[in-house]
C-alpha cells in the first residue's frame, strides 16, 4: 500500500456496520503495532491503525 492509493477500512476499526472507502494519506512504522496506516474518507474523517484493518483496492 502507498500514499494516494485507495483502501477500505475494516468495520472492526471504524465501528460502523460496513467498511469505509478512503484515500491513504500516511503510512508510518509504529514501534508498538508495526505498520500504521491513515485513511481519509469522502467526509474528511480520518481512520488510522494497524495495517491488518485496511484492504487495498
N, C-alpha and C. Protein backbone atom coordinates (compact mmCIF):
# COMPACT_ATOMS: atom_id res chain seq x y z
N UNK A 1 0.84 -1.17 0.00
CA UNK A 1 0.00 0.00 0.00
C UNK A 1 0.90 1.24 0.00
N UNK A 2 0.40 2.30 -0.65
CA UNK A 2 1.18 3.54 -0.72
C UNK A 2 0.26 4.75 -0.66
N UNK A 3 0.84 5.90 -0.37
CA UNK A 3 0.06 7.14 -0.29
C UNK A 3 -0.64 7.39 -1.62
N UNK A 4 -1.87 7.90 -1.54
CA UNK A 4 -2.63 8.20 -2.74
C UNK A 4 -3.49 7.04 -3.22
N UNK A 5 -3.17 5.84 -2.78
CA UNK A 5 -3.95 4.66 -3.13
C UNK A 5 -5.23 4.65 -2.31
N UNK A 6 -6.24 3.92 -2.75
CA UNK A 6 -7.48 3.83 -2.00
C UNK A 6 -7.53 2.50 -1.25
N UNK A 7 -8.19 2.54 -0.10
CA UNK A 7 -8.29 1.36 0.75
C UNK A 7 -9.65 1.34 1.44
N UNK A 8 -10.03 0.17 1.90
CA UNK A 8 -11.25 0.01 2.68
C UNK A 8 -10.86 -0.23 4.13
N UNK A 9 -11.47 0.54 5.02
CA UNK A 9 -11.22 0.43 6.45
C UNK A 9 -12.18 -0.61 7.02
N UNK A 10 -11.66 -1.54 7.78
CA UNK A 10 -12.48 -2.59 8.38
C UNK A 10 -13.50 -2.02 9.36
N UNK A 11 -14.72 -2.59 9.38
CA UNK A 11 -15.71 -2.15 10.37
C UNK A 11 -15.23 -2.35 11.81
N UNK A 12 -14.32 -3.29 11.99
CA UNK A 12 -13.73 -3.54 13.31
C UNK A 12 -13.01 -2.29 13.84
N UNK A 13 -12.37 -1.55 12.94
CA UNK A 13 -11.64 -0.34 13.32
C UNK A 13 -12.54 0.89 13.34
N UNK A 14 -13.41 1.01 12.33
CA UNK A 14 -14.25 2.21 12.20
C UNK A 14 -15.42 2.23 13.17
N UNK A 15 -15.88 1.05 13.60
CA UNK A 15 -17.02 0.97 14.49
C UNK A 15 -18.35 1.10 13.76
N UNK A 16 -18.31 1.13 12.44
CA UNK A 16 -19.52 1.23 11.65
C UNK A 16 -19.97 -0.17 11.20
N UNK A 17 -21.15 -0.25 10.61
CA UNK A 17 -21.68 -1.56 10.21
C UNK A 17 -21.04 -2.10 8.93
N UNK A 18 -20.41 -1.23 8.13
CA UNK A 18 -19.76 -1.68 6.91
C UNK A 18 -18.43 -0.96 6.73
N UNK A 19 -17.61 -1.47 5.81
CA UNK A 19 -16.31 -0.87 5.56
C UNK A 19 -16.42 0.53 4.98
N UNK A 20 -15.39 1.33 5.18
CA UNK A 20 -15.34 2.71 4.70
C UNK A 20 -14.22 2.83 3.67
N UNK A 21 -14.55 3.40 2.50
CA UNK A 21 -13.54 3.60 1.46
C UNK A 21 -12.91 4.98 1.64
N UNK A 22 -11.59 5.04 1.48
CA UNK A 22 -10.90 6.32 1.60
C UNK A 22 -9.52 6.28 0.97
N UNK A 23 -8.87 7.43 0.95
CA UNK A 23 -7.54 7.56 0.37
C UNK A 23 -6.48 7.47 1.46
N UNK A 24 -5.43 6.70 1.18
CA UNK A 24 -4.32 6.57 2.13
C UNK A 24 -3.57 7.90 2.15
N UNK A 25 -3.47 8.50 3.34
CA UNK A 25 -2.79 9.80 3.45
C UNK A 25 -1.46 9.70 4.19
N UNK A 26 -1.25 8.61 4.93
CA UNK A 26 0.01 8.48 5.66
C UNK A 26 0.28 7.02 5.98
N UNK A 27 1.54 6.64 5.90
CA UNK A 27 1.99 5.31 6.31
C UNK A 27 3.24 5.52 7.13
N UNK A 28 3.27 4.91 8.32
CA UNK A 28 4.47 5.06 9.14
C UNK A 28 4.72 3.76 9.90
N UNK A 29 5.93 3.63 10.38
CA UNK A 29 6.31 2.47 11.17
C UNK A 29 6.13 2.80 12.64
N UNK A 30 5.18 2.16 13.28
CA UNK A 30 4.91 2.37 14.70
C UNK A 30 5.67 1.29 15.48
N UNK A 31 6.47 1.66 16.46
CA UNK A 31 7.27 0.66 17.18
C UNK A 31 6.43 -0.33 17.99
N UNK A 32 5.18 -0.04 18.25
CA UNK A 32 4.35 -0.91 19.07
C UNK A 32 3.44 -1.82 18.26
N UNK A 33 2.91 -1.32 17.13
CA UNK A 33 1.96 -2.13 16.36
C UNK A 33 2.45 -2.47 14.96
N UNK A 34 3.62 -2.04 14.58
CA UNK A 34 4.14 -2.29 13.23
C UNK A 34 3.70 -1.19 12.29
N UNK A 35 3.37 -1.55 11.06
CA UNK A 35 2.98 -0.55 10.07
C UNK A 35 1.62 0.05 10.42
N UNK A 36 1.57 1.37 10.48
CA UNK A 36 0.34 2.09 10.81
C UNK A 36 -0.09 2.89 9.58
N UNK A 37 -1.38 2.79 9.25
CA UNK A 37 -1.91 3.44 8.06
C UNK A 37 -2.99 4.43 8.47
N UNK A 38 -3.03 5.58 7.78
CA UNK A 38 -4.08 6.58 8.00
C UNK A 38 -4.82 6.78 6.68
N UNK A 39 -6.16 6.76 6.76
CA UNK A 39 -7.02 6.90 5.59
C UNK A 39 -8.03 8.01 5.84
N UNK A 40 -8.26 8.87 4.82
CA UNK A 40 -9.27 9.93 4.90
C UNK A 40 -10.43 9.55 3.98
N UNK A 41 -11.65 9.53 4.53
CA UNK A 41 -12.82 9.20 3.72
C UNK A 41 -13.37 10.44 3.01
N UNK A 42 -14.45 10.27 2.25
CA UNK A 42 -15.03 11.36 1.46
C UNK A 42 -15.58 12.49 2.34
N UNK A 43 -15.92 12.19 3.60
CA UNK A 43 -16.44 13.21 4.51
C UNK A 43 -15.34 13.91 5.31
N UNK A 44 -14.09 13.54 5.07
CA UNK A 44 -12.97 14.18 5.75
C UNK A 44 -12.57 13.51 7.06
N UNK A 45 -13.27 12.44 7.43
CA UNK A 45 -12.90 11.73 8.66
C UNK A 45 -11.65 10.90 8.42
N UNK A 46 -10.79 10.83 9.42
CA UNK A 46 -9.54 10.09 9.30
C UNK A 46 -9.58 8.88 10.22
N UNK A 47 -9.24 7.73 9.66
CA UNK A 47 -9.15 6.48 10.41
C UNK A 47 -7.71 6.02 10.34
N UNK A 48 -7.16 5.59 11.48
CA UNK A 48 -5.79 5.08 11.46
C UNK A 48 -5.66 3.91 12.40
N UNK A 49 -4.73 3.03 12.07
CA UNK A 49 -4.49 1.87 12.90
C UNK A 49 -3.54 0.92 12.21
N UNK A 50 -3.42 -0.28 12.77
CA UNK A 50 -2.53 -1.31 12.22
C UNK A 50 -2.96 -1.69 10.81
N UNK A 51 -2.02 -2.08 10.00
CA UNK A 51 -2.29 -2.40 8.60
C UNK A 51 -3.28 -3.55 8.42
N UNK A 52 -3.45 -4.39 9.43
CA UNK A 52 -4.38 -5.53 9.32
C UNK A 52 -5.84 -5.08 9.18
N UNK A 53 -6.15 -3.82 9.49
CA UNK A 53 -7.52 -3.31 9.40
C UNK A 53 -7.82 -2.64 8.06
N UNK A 54 -6.89 -2.67 7.11
CA UNK A 54 -7.06 -2.00 5.83
C UNK A 54 -6.87 -2.98 4.68
N UNK A 55 -7.70 -2.80 3.64
CA UNK A 55 -7.60 -3.62 2.44
C UNK A 55 -7.43 -2.69 1.24
N UNK A 56 -6.36 -2.88 0.49
CA UNK A 56 -6.11 -2.04 -0.69
C UNK A 56 -7.11 -2.38 -1.79
N UNK A 57 -7.55 -1.34 -2.52
CA UNK A 57 -8.45 -1.56 -3.65
C UNK A 57 -7.92 -0.90 -4.90
